[in-house]
Amino acid sequence: MTIVHFTTASTFVLSAMGLTLHRKHLVSALLCIEGMMLALFLALALGSQALVLTNTSLQPIILLALVACGASTGLALLVAATRTHASDHLKNLNLLKC
């Protein structure tokens, strides 16, 4: 295992652990999800570069576009939740209480 593979795998695992252990605020959960997606983007980009296949070179770009759409949706939800509930704590964002 090279240092690049170890770095991408450890970034993904640390982001997943941060998502499961430290999900007090919505901002920290969104940042952990963003870290996981960037680790996947790096793994896909390095994989397509190592394989030198033309049909796999578009996959990282599509993933990056989907991650950008997900980040904008998450930030819009953060703004909406902060306006309605006056905080970004995940305990306050129960849909059954709304």
PDB file of N, CA and C in Angstrom:
ATOM      1  N   MET A   1       0.845  -1.179   0.000  1.00  0.00           N
ATOM      2  CA  MET A   1       0.000   0.000   0.000  1.00  0.00           C
ATOM      3  C   MET A   1       0.888   1.239   0.000  1.00  0.00           C
ATOM      4  N   THR A   2       0.655   2.107  -0.936  1.00  0.00           N
ATOM      5  CA  THR A   2       1.468   3.309  -1.030  1.00  0.00           C
ATOM      6  C   THR A   2       0.967   4.358  -0.039  1.00  0.00           C
ATOM      7  N   ILE A   3       1.739   5.424   0.090  1.00  0.00           N
ATOM      8  CA  ILE A   3       1.374   6.480   1.033  1.00  0.00           C
ATOM      9  C   ILE A   3       0.119   7.219   0.577  1.00  0.00           C
ATOM     10  N   VAL A   4      -0.105   7.302  -0.724  1.00  0.00           N
ATOM     11  CA  VAL A   4      -1.297   7.992  -1.234  1.00  0.00           C
ATOM     12  C   VAL A   4      -2.555   7.187  -0.921  1.00  0.00           C
ATOM     13  N   HIS A   5      -2.496   5.874  -1.097  1.00  0.00           N
ATOM     14  CA  HIS A   5      -3.640   5.032  -0.769  1.00  0.00           C
ATOM     15  C   HIS A   5      -3.928   5.062   0.734  1.00  0.00           C
ATOM     16  N   PHE A   6      -2.871   5.030   1.529  1.00  0.00           N
ATOM     17  CA  PHE A   6      -3.056   5.097   2.978  1.00  0.00           C
ATOM     18  C   PHE A   6      -3.664   6.433   3.393  1.00  0.00           C
ATOM     19  N   THR A   7      -3.244   7.520   2.756  1.00  0.00           N
ATOM     20  CA  THR A   7      -3.765   8.837   3.097  1.00  0.00           C
ATOM     21  C   THR A   7      -5.239   8.962   2.744  1.00  0.00           C
ATOM     22  N   THR A   8      -5.628   8.483   1.563  1.00  0.00           N
ATOM     23  CA  THR A   8      -7.040   8.576   1.179  1.00  0.00           C
ATOM     24  C   THR A   8      -7.914   7.676   2.055  1.00  0.00           C
ATOM     25  N   ALA A   9      -7.427   6.486   2.367  1.00  0.00           N
ATOM     26  CA  ALA A   9      -8.205   5.585   3.218  1.00  0.00           C
ATOM     27  C   ALA A   9      -8.331   6.135   4.636  1.00  0.00           C
ATOM     28  N   SER A  10      -7.252   6.682   5.168  1.00  0.00           N
ATOM     29  CA  SER A  10      -7.321   7.229   6.522  1.00  0.00           C
ATOM     30  C   SER A  10      -8.177   8.492   6.570  1.00  0.00           C
ATOM     31  N   THR A  11      -8.172   9.297   5.502  1.00  0.00           N
ATOM     32  CA  THR A  11      -9.038  10.473   5.449  1.00  0.00           C
ATOM     33  C   THR A  11     -10.502  10.064   5.453  1.00  0.00           C
ATOM     34  N   PHE A  12     -10.833   9.043   4.683  1.00  0.00           N
ATOM     35  CA  PHE A  12     -12.209   8.572   4.650  1.00  0.00           C
ATOM     36  C   PHE A  12     -12.634   8.013   6.004  1.00  0.00           C
ATOM     37  N   VAL A  13     -11.781   7.213   6.627  1.00  0.00           N
ATOM     38  CA  VAL A  13     -12.122   6.593   7.905  1.00  0.00           C
ATOM     39  C   VAL A  13     -12.236   7.647   9.002  1.00  0.00           C
ATOM     40  N   LEU A  14     -11.337   8.618   9.018  1.00  0.00           N
ATOM     41  CA  LEU A  14     -11.412   9.672  10.030  1.00  0.00           C
ATOM     42  C   LEU A  14     -12.654  10.533   9.849  1.00  0.00           C
ATOM     43  N   SER A  15     -13.037  10.792   8.621  1.00  0.00           N
ATOM     44  CA  SER A  15     -14.261  11.556   8.381  1.00  0.00           C
ATOM     45  C   SER A  15     -15.495  10.761   8.809  1.00  0.00           C
ATOM     46  N   ALA A  16     -15.498   9.475   8.543  1.00  0.00           N
ATOM     47  CA  ALA A  16     -16.624   8.641   8.966  1.00  0.00           C
ATOM     48  C   ALA A  16     -16.699   8.549  10.489  1.00  0.00           C
ATOM     49  N   MET A  17     -15.557   8.447  11.145  1.00  0.00           N
ATOM     50  CA  MET A  17     -15.552   8.432  12.608  1.00  0.00           C
ATOM     51  C   MET A  17     -16.002   9.769  13.173  1.00  0.00           C
ATOM     52  N   GLY A  18     -15.591  10.858  12.553  1.00  0.00           N
ATOM     53  CA  GLY A  18     -16.041  12.164  12.998  1.00  0.00           C
ATOM     54  C   GLY A  18     -17.533  12.340  12.827  1.00  0.00           C
ATOM     55  N   LEU A  19     -18.077  11.764  11.769  1.00  0.00           N
ATOM     56  CA  LEU A  19     -19.518  11.850  11.541  1.00  0.00           C
ATOM     57  C   LEU A  19     -20.290  11.052  12.584  1.00  0.00           C
ATOM     58  N   THR A  20     -19.773   9.903  12.964  1.00  0.00           N
ATOM     59  CA  THR A  20     -20.499   9.072  13.925  1.00  0.00           C
ATOM     60  C   THR A  20     -20.302   9.525  15.364  1.00  0.00           C
ATOM     61  N   LEU A  21     -19.131  10.052  15.697  1.00  0.00           N
ATOM     62  CA  LEU A  21     -18.846  10.374  17.092  1.00  0.00           C
ATOM     63  C   LEU A  21     -19.162  11.817  17.476  1.00  0.00           C
ATOM     64  N   HIS A  22     -18.952  12.758  16.589  1.00  0.00           N
ATOM     65  CA  HIS A  22     -19.078  14.167  16.930  1.00  0.00           C
ATOM     66  C   HIS A  22     -20.148  14.837  16.086  1.00  0.00           C
ATOM     67  N   ARG A  23     -21.371  14.450  16.259  1.00  0.00           N
ATOM     68  CA  ARG A  23     -22.430  15.069  15.470  1.00  0.00           C
ATOM     69  C   ARG A  23     -23.339  15.901  16.367  1.00  0.00           C
ATOM     70  N   LYS A  24     -22.744  16.927  16.933  1.00  0.00           N
ATOM     71  CA  LYS A  24     -23.511  17.844  17.758  1.00  0.00           C
ATOM     72  C   LYS A  24     -24.110  18.966  16.907  1.00  0.00           C
ATOM     73  N   HIS A  25     -23.323  19.491  15.993  1.00  0.00           N
ATOM     74  CA  HIS A  25     -23.778  20.582  15.137  1.00  0.00           C
ATOM     75  C   HIS A  25     -23.936  20.092  13.705  1.00  0.00           C
ATOM     76  N   LEU A  26     -24.822  20.729  12.988  1.00  0.00           N
ATOM     77  CA  LEU A  26     -25.051  20.381  11.585  1.00  0.00           C
ATOM     78  C   LEU A  26     -23.848  20.738  10.721  1.00  0.00           C
ATOM     79  N   VAL A  27     -23.140  21.796  11.086  1.00  0.00           N
ATOM     80  CA  VAL A  27     -21.970  22.210  10.311  1.00  0.00           C
ATOM     81  C   VAL A  27     -20.873  21.146  10.383  1.00  0.00           C
ATOM     82  N   SER A  28     -20.641  20.583  11.558  1.00  0.00           N
ATOM     83  CA  SER A  28     -19.606  19.556  11.672  1.00  0.00           C
ATOM     84  C   SER A  28     -19.990  18.287  10.919  1.00  0.00           C
ATOM     85  N   ALA A  29     -21.280  17.942  10.901  1.00  0.00           N
ATOM     86  CA  ALA A  29     -21.727  16.775  10.138  1.00  0.00           C
ATOM     87  C   ALA A  29     -21.534  17.007   8.642  1.00  0.00           C
ATOM     88  N   LEU A  30     -21.855  18.219   8.181  1.00  0.00           N
ATOM     89  CA  LEU A  30     -21.670  18.526   6.759  1.00  0.00           C
ATOM     90  C   LEU A  30     -20.194  18.523   6.370  1.00  0.00           C
ATOM     91  N   LEU A  31     -19.335  19.014   7.252  1.00  0.00           N
ATOM     92  CA  LEU A  31     -17.898  18.993   6.961  1.00  0.00           C
ATOM     93  C   LEU A  31     -17.341  17.573   6.917  1.00  0.00           C
ATOM     94  N   CYS A  32     -17.833  16.702   7.780  1.00  0.00           N
ATOM     95  CA  CYS A  32     -17.389  15.302   7.743  1.00  0.00           C
ATOM     96  C   CYS A  32     -17.839  14.607   6.459  1.00  0.00           C
ATOM     97  N   ILE A  33     -19.056  14.876   6.042  1.00  0.00           N
ATOM     98  CA  ILE A  33     -19.541  14.299   4.784  1.00  0.00           C
ATOM     99  C   ILE A  33     -18.736  14.832   3.604  1.00  0.00           C
ATOM    100  N   GLU A  34     -18.391  16.116   3.650  1.00  0.00           N
ATOM    101  CA  GLU A  34     -17.580  16.705   2.588  1.00  0.00           C
ATOM    102  C   GLU A  34     -16.181  16.073   2.551  1.00  0.00           C
ATOM    103  N   GLY A  35     -15.610  15.798   3.712  1.00  0.00           N
ATOM    104  CA  GLY A  35     -14.306  15.129   3.761  1.00  0.00           C
ATOM    105  C   GLY A  35     -14.359  13.723   3.189  1.00  0.00           C
ATOM    106  N   MET A  36     -15.448  13.017   3.453  1.00  0.00           N
ATOM    107  CA  MET A  36     -15.609  11.677   2.889  1.00  0.00           C
ATOM    108  C   MET A  36     -15.722  11.734   1.371  1.00  0.00           C
ATOM    109  N   MET A  37     -16.453  12.689   0.869  1.00  0.00           N
ATOM    110  CA  MET A  37     -16.610  12.802  -0.577  1.00  0.00           C
ATOM    111  C   MET A  37     -15.311  13.227  -1.258  1.00  0.00           C
ATOM    112  N   LEU A  38     -14.548  14.084  -0.626  1.00  0.00           N
ATOM    113  CA  LEU A  38     -13.265  14.471  -1.211  1.00  0.00           C
ATOM    114  C   LEU A  38     -12.264  13.310  -1.205  1.00  0.00           C
ATOM    115  N   ALA A  39     -12.328  12.465  -0.186  1.00  0.00           N
ATOM    116  CA  ALA A  39     -11.478  11.275  -0.178  1.00  0.00           C
ATOM    117  C   ALA A  39     -11.874  10.318  -1.298  1.00  0.00           C
ATOM    118  N   LEU A  40     -13.178  10.169  -1.533  1.00  0.00           N
ATOM    119  CA  LEU A  40     -13.634   9.334  -2.641  1.00  0.00           C
ATOM    120  C   LEU A  40     -13.229   9.917  -3.984  1.00  0.00           C
ATOM    121  N   PHE A  41     -13.303  11.248  -4.104  1.00  0.00           N
ATOM    122  CA  PHE A  41     -12.873  11.903  -5.344  1.00  0.00           C
ATOM    123  C   PHE A  41     -11.397  11.651  -5.599  1.00  0.00           C
ATOM    124  N   LEU A  42     -10.591  11.770  -4.565  1.00  0.00           N
ATOM    125  CA  LEU A  42      -9.152  11.536  -4.727  1.00  0.00           C
ATOM    126  C   LEU A  42      -8.865  10.090  -5.106  1.00  0.00           C
ATOM    127  N   ALA A  43      -9.569   9.156  -4.498  1.00  0.00           N
ATOM    128  CA  ALA A  43      -9.377   7.746  -4.836  1.00  0.00           C
ATOM    129  C   ALA A  43      -9.799   7.456  -6.276  1.00  0.00           C
ATOM    130  N   LEU A  44     -10.916   8.023  -6.711  1.00  0.00           N
ATOM    131  CA  LEU A  44     -11.353   7.813  -8.094  1.00  0.00           C
ATOM    132  C   LEU A  44     -10.403   8.458  -9.092  1.00  0.00           C
ATOM    133  N   ALA A  45      -9.912   9.653  -8.771  1.00  0.00           N
ATOM    134  CA  ALA A  45      -8.998  10.331  -9.681  1.00  0.00           C
ATOM    135  C   ALA A  45      -7.679   9.574  -9.797  1.00  0.00           C
ATOM    136  N   LEU A  46      -7.166   9.089  -8.681  1.00  0.00           N
ATOM    137  CA  LEU A  46      -5.913   8.332  -8.730  1.00  0.00           C
ATOM    138  C   LEU A  46      -6.101   6.975  -9.400  1.00  0.00           C
ATOM    139  N   GLY A  47      -7.275   6.371  -9.197  1.00  0.00           N
ATOM    140  CA  GLY A  47      -7.551   5.087  -9.851  1.00  0.00           C
ATOM    141  C   GLY A  47      -7.673   5.209 -11.355  1.00  0.00           C
ATOM    142  N   SER A  48      -8.336   6.267 -11.806  1.00  0.00           N
ATOM    143  CA  SER A  48      -8.471   6.437 -13.250  1.00  0.00           C
ATOM    144  C   SER A  48      -7.153   6.850 -13.888  1.00  0.00           C
ATOM    145  N   GLN A  49      -6.317   7.539 -13.141  1.00  0.00           N
ATOM    146  CA  GLN A  49      -5.004   7.905 -13.673  1.00  0.00           C
ATOM    147  C   GLN A  49      -4.085   6.687 -13.737  1.00  0.00           C
ATOM    148  N   ALA A  50      -4.207   5.800 -12.775  1.00  0.00           N
ATOM    149  CA  ALA A  50      -3.359   4.606 -12.760  1.00  0.00           C
ATOM    150  C   ALA A  50      -3.789   3.606 -13.829  1.00  0.00           C
ATOM    151  N   LEU A  51      -5.092   3.526 -14.116  1.00  0.00           N
ATOM    152  CA  LEU A  51      -5.573   2.557 -15.100  1.00  0.00           C
ATOM    153  C   LEU A  51      -5.392   3.031 -16.538  1.00  0.00           C
ATOM    154  N   VAL A  52      -5.309   4.314 -16.746  1.00  0.00           N
ATOM    155  CA  VAL A  52      -5.137   4.944 -18.055  1.00  0.00           C
ATOM    156  C   VAL A  52      -6.210   4.454 -19.036  1.00  0.00           C
ATOM    157  N   LEU A  53      -7.441   4.448 -18.566  1.00  0.00           N
ATOM    158  CA  LEU A  53      -8.569   4.106 -19.421  1.00  0.00           C
ATOM    159  C   LEU A  53      -9.373   5.373 -19.696  1.00  0.00           C
ATOM    160  N   THR A  54      -9.845   5.511 -20.903  1.00  0.00           N
ATOM    161  CA  THR A  54     -10.577   6.728 -21.257  1.00  0.00           C
ATOM    162  C   THR A  54     -11.989   6.736 -20.704  1.00  0.00           C
ATOM    163  N   ASN A  55     -12.579   5.570 -20.470  1.00  0.00           N
ATOM    164  CA  ASN A  55     -13.959   5.551 -19.988  1.00  0.00           C
ATOM    165  C   ASN A  55     -14.061   5.806 -18.484  1.00  0.00           C
ATOM    166  N   THR A  56     -12.959   5.738 -17.739  1.00  0.00           N
ATOM    167  CA  THR A  56     -13.016   6.014 -16.306  1.00  0.00           C
ATOM    168  C   THR A  56     -12.544   7.420 -15.963  1.00  0.00           C
ATOM    169  N   SER A  57     -12.137   8.207 -16.922  1.00  0.00           N
ATOM    170  CA  SER A  57     -11.619   9.532 -16.606  1.00  0.00           C
ATOM    171  C   SER A  57     -12.722  10.536 -16.299  1.00  0.00           C
ATOM    172  N   LEU A  58     -13.961  10.246 -16.651  1.00  0.00           N
ATOM    173  CA  LEU A  58     -15.058  11.163 -16.404  1.00  0.00           C
ATOM    174  C   LEU A  58     -15.707  10.950 -15.039  1.00  0.00           C
ATOM    175  N   GLN A  59     -15.468   9.822 -14.399  1.00  0.00           N
ATOM    176  CA  GLN A  59     -16.101   9.510 -13.121  1.00  0.00           C
ATOM    177  C   GLN A  59     -15.752  10.497 -12.009  1.00  0.00           C
ATOM    178  N   PRO A  60     -14.491  10.905 -11.822  1.00  0.00           N
ATOM    179  CA  PRO A  60     -14.212  11.874 -10.752  1.00  0.00           C
ATOM    180  C   PRO A  60     -14.868  13.228 -10.981  1.00  0.00           C
ATOM    181  N   ILE A  61     -15.004  13.647 -12.212  1.00  0.00           N
ATOM    182  CA  ILE A  61     -15.623  14.937 -12.507  1.00  0.00           C
ATOM    183  C   ILE A  61     -17.117  14.882 -12.199  1.00  0.00           C
ATOM    184  N   ILE A  62     -17.758  13.773 -12.516  1.00  0.00           N
ATOM    185  CA  ILE A  62     -19.179  13.612 -12.200  1.00  0.00           C
ATOM    186  C   ILE A  62     -19.371  13.581 -10.687  1.00  0.00           C
ATOM    187  N   LEU A  63     -18.497  12.882  -9.964  1.00  0.00           N
ATOM    188  CA  LEU A  63     -18.583  12.833  -8.506  1.00  0.00           C
ATOM    189  C   LEU A  63     -18.384  14.220  -7.905  1.00  0.00           C
ATOM    190  N   LEU A  64     -17.462  14.994  -8.442  1.00  0.00           N
ATOM    191  CA  LEU A  64     -17.217  16.334  -7.933  1.00  0.00           C
ATOM    192  C   LEU A  64     -18.419  17.240  -8.172  1.00  0.00           C
ATOM    193  N   ALA A  65     -19.093  17.082  -9.295  1.00  0.00           N
ATOM    194  CA  ALA A  65     -20.310  17.868  -9.558  1.00  0.00           C
ATOM    195  C   ALA A  65     -21.428  17.484  -8.588  1.00  0.00           C
ATOM    196  N   LEU A  66     -21.569  16.192  -8.309  1.00  0.00           N
ATOM    197  CA  LEU A  66     -22.585  15.758  -7.353  1.00  0.00           C
ATOM    198  C   LEU A  66     -22.273  16.227  -5.942  1.00  0.00           C
ATOM    199  N   VAL A  67     -20.994  16.246  -5.578  1.00  0.00           N
ATOM    200  CA  VAL A  67     -20.591  16.722  -4.256  1.00  0.00           C
ATOM    201  C   VAL A  67     -20.890  18.213  -4.122  1.00  0.00           C
ATOM    202  N   ALA A  68     -20.665  18.978  -5.168  1.00  0.00           N
ATOM    203  CA  ALA A  68     -20.962  20.412  -5.127  1.00  0.00           C
ATOM    204  C   ALA A  68     -22.466  20.641  -4.963  1.00  0.00           C
ATOM    205  N   CYS A  69     -23.271  19.849  -5.644  1.00  0.00           N
ATOM    206  CA  CYS A  69     -24.729  19.972  -5.488  1.00  0.00           C
ATOM    207  C   CYS A  69     -25.164  19.583  -4.073  1.00  0.00           C
ATOM    208  N   GLY A  70     -24.565  18.556  -3.537  1.00  0.00           N
ATOM    209  CA  GLY A  70     -24.886  18.139  -2.170  1.00  0.00           C
ATOM    210  C   GLY A  70     -24.454  19.158  -1.134  1.00  0.00           C
ATOM    211  N   ALA A  71     -23.308  19.789  -1.345  1.00  0.00           N
ATOM    212  CA  ALA A  71     -22.838  20.810  -0.416  1.00  0.00           C
ATOM    213  C   ALA A  71     -23.751  22.029  -0.436  1.00  0.00           C
ATOM    214  N   SER A  72     -24.190  22.429  -1.614  1.00  0.00           N
ATOM    215  CA  SER A  72     -25.095  23.582  -1.685  1.00  0.00           C
ATOM    216  C   SER A  72     -26.446  23.254  -1.053  1.00  0.00           C
ATOM    217  N   THR A  73     -26.925  22.035  -1.223  1.00  0.00           N
ATOM    218  CA  THR A  73     -28.178  21.634  -0.587  1.00  0.00           C
ATOM    219  C   THR A  73     -28.030  21.596   0.931  1.00  0.00           C
ATOM    220  N   GLY A  74     -26.900  21.089   1.406  1.00  0.00           N
ATOM    221  CA  GLY A  74     -26.650  21.049   2.842  1.00  0.00           C
ATOM    222  C   GLY A  74     -26.554  22.432   3.451  1.00  0.00           C
ATOM    223  N   LEU A  75     -25.903  23.358   2.758  1.00  0.00           N
ATOM    224  CA  LEU A  75     -25.824  24.719   3.266  1.00  0.00           C
ATOM    225  C   LEU A  75     -27.179  25.415   3.245  1.00  0.00           C
ATOM    226  N   ALA A  76     -27.992  25.123   2.240  1.00  0.00           N
ATOM    227  CA  ALA A  76     -29.346  25.686   2.210  1.00  0.00           C
ATOM    228  C   ALA A  76     -30.190  25.143   3.360  1.00  0.00           C
ATOM    229  N   LEU A  77     -30.044  23.858   3.662  1.00  0.00           N
ATOM    230  CA  LEU A  77     -30.747  23.286   4.812  1.00  0.00           C
ATOM    231  C   LEU A  77     -30.248  23.876   6.119  1.00  0.00           C
ATOM    232  N   LEU A  78     -28.960  24.157   6.193  1.00  0.00           N
ATOM    233  CA  LEU A  78     -28.394  24.772   7.393  1.00  0.00           C
ATOM    234  C   LEU A  78     -28.975  26.162   7.617  1.00  0.00           C
ATOM    235  N   VAL A  79     -29.062  26.945   6.558  1.00  0.00           N
ATOM    236  CA  VAL A  79     -29.628  28.293   6.677  1.00  0.00           C
ATOM    237  C   VAL A  79     -31.105  28.220   7.055  1.00  0.00           C
ATOM    238  N   ALA A  80     -31.845  27.321   6.435  1.00  0.00           N
ATOM    239  CA  ALA A  80     -33.268  27.192   6.743  1.00  0.00           C
ATOM    240  C   ALA A  80     -33.487  26.718   8.180  1.00  0.00           C
ATOM    241  N   ALA A  81     -32.681  25.763   8.632  1.00  0.00           N
ATOM    242  CA  ALA A  81     -32.824  25.258   9.997  1.00  0.00           C
ATOM    243  C   ALA A  81     -32.416  26.313  11.016  1.00  0.00           C
ATOM    244  N   THR A  82     -31.405  27.094  10.714  1.00  0.00           N
ATOM    245  CA  THR A  82     -30.979  28.138  11.633  1.00  0.00           C
ATOM    246  C   THR A  82     -32.028  29.238  11.724  1.00  0.00           C
ATOM    247  N   ARG A  83     -32.678  29.538  10.628  1.00  0.00           N
ATOM    248  CA  ARG A  83     -33.718  30.568  10.657  1.00  0.00           C
ATOM    249  C   ARG A  83     -34.957  30.108  11.415  1.00  0.00           C
ATOM    250  N   THR A  84     -35.339  28.860  11.271  1.00  0.00           N
ATOM    251  CA  THR A  84     -36.562  28.394  11.917  1.00  0.00           C
ATOM    252  C   THR A  84     -36.345  27.986  13.371  1.00  0.00           C
ATOM    253  N   HIS A  85     -35.217  27.328  13.677  1.00  0.00           N
ATOM    254  CA  HIS A  85     -34.978  26.808  15.024  1.00  0.00           C
ATOM    255  C   HIS A  85     -34.015  27.652  15.843  1.00  0.00           C
ATOM    256  N   ALA A  86     -33.375  28.633  15.245  1.00  0.00           N
ATOM    257  CA  ALA A  86     -32.434  29.550  15.903  1.00  0.00           C
ATOM    258  C   ALA A  86     -31.177  28.859  16.417  1.00  0.00           C
ATOM    259  N   SER A  87     -30.870  27.664  15.939  1.00  0.00           N
ATOM    260  CA  SER A  87     -29.605  26.994  16.273  1.00  0.00           C
ATOM    261  C   SER A  87     -29.344  25.918  15.236  1.00  0.00           C
ATOM    262  N   ASP A  88     -28.113  25.409  15.253  1.00  0.00           N
ATOM    263  CA  ASP A  88     -27.772  24.341  14.319  1.00  0.00           C
ATOM    264  C   ASP A  88     -27.496  23.026  15.039  1.00  0.00           C
ATOM    265  N   HIS A  89     -27.971  22.899  16.276  1.00  0.00           N
ATOM    266  CA  HIS A  89     -27.807  21.639  17.001  1.00  0.00           C
ATOM    267  C   HIS A  89     -28.681  20.566  16.364  1.00  0.00           C
ATOM    268  N   LEU A  90     -28.127  19.381  16.227  1.00  0.00           N
ATOM    269  CA  LEU A  90     -28.889  18.310  15.579  1.00  0.00           C
ATOM    270  C   LEU A  90     -29.981  17.761  16.461  1.00  0.00           C
ATOM    271  N   LYS A  91     -29.890  17.954  17.792  1.00  0.00           N
ATOM    272  CA  LYS A  91     -30.962  17.490  18.677  1.00  0.00           C
ATOM    273  C   LYS A  91     -32.236  18.300  18.465  1.00  0.00           C
ATOM    274  N   ASN A  92     -32.088  19.556  18.086  1.00  0.00           N
ATOM    275  CA  ASN A  92     -33.257  20.419  17.894  1.00  0.00           C
ATOM    276  C   ASN A  92     -33.922  20.203  16.542  1.00  0.00           C
ATOM    277  N   LEU A  93     -33.311  19.472  15.645  1.00  0.00           N
ATOM    278  CA  LEU A  93     -33.834  19.312  14.289  1.00  0.00           C
ATOM    279  C   LEU A  93     -34.667  18.040  14.128  1.00  0.00           C
ATOM    280  N   ASN A  94     -35.524  17.766  15.071  1.00  0.00           N
ATOM    281  CA  ASN A  94     -36.399  16.613  14.989  1.00  0.00           C
ATOM    282  C   ASN A  94     -37.610  16.974  14.146  1.00  0.00           C
ATOM    283  N   LEU A  95     -37.869  16.224  13.104  1.00  0.00           N
ATOM    284  CA  LEU A  95     -38.988  16.536  12.227  1.00  0.00           C
ATOM    285  C   LEU A  95     -40.342  16.276  12.865  1.00  0.00           C
ATOM    286  N   LEU A  96     -40.386  15.439  13.897  1.00  0.00           N
ATOM    287  CA  LEU A  96     -41.655  15.155  14.547  1.00  0.00           C
ATOM    288  C   LEU A  96     -42.121  16.313  15.428  1.00  0.00           C
ATOM    289  N   LYS A  97     -41.189  17.162  15.852  1.00  0.00           N
ATOM    290  CA  LYS A  97     -41.534  18.301  16.689  1.00  0.00           C
ATOM    291  C   LYS A  97     -41.948  19.519  15.879  1.00  0.00           C
ATOM    292  N   CYS A  98     -41.673  19.552  14.591  1.00  0.00           N
ATOM    293  CA  CYS A  98     -41.974  20.747  13.793  1.00  0.00           C
ATOM    294  C   CYS A  98     -43.451  20.930  13.582  1.00  0.00           C
TER     295      CYS A  98
END
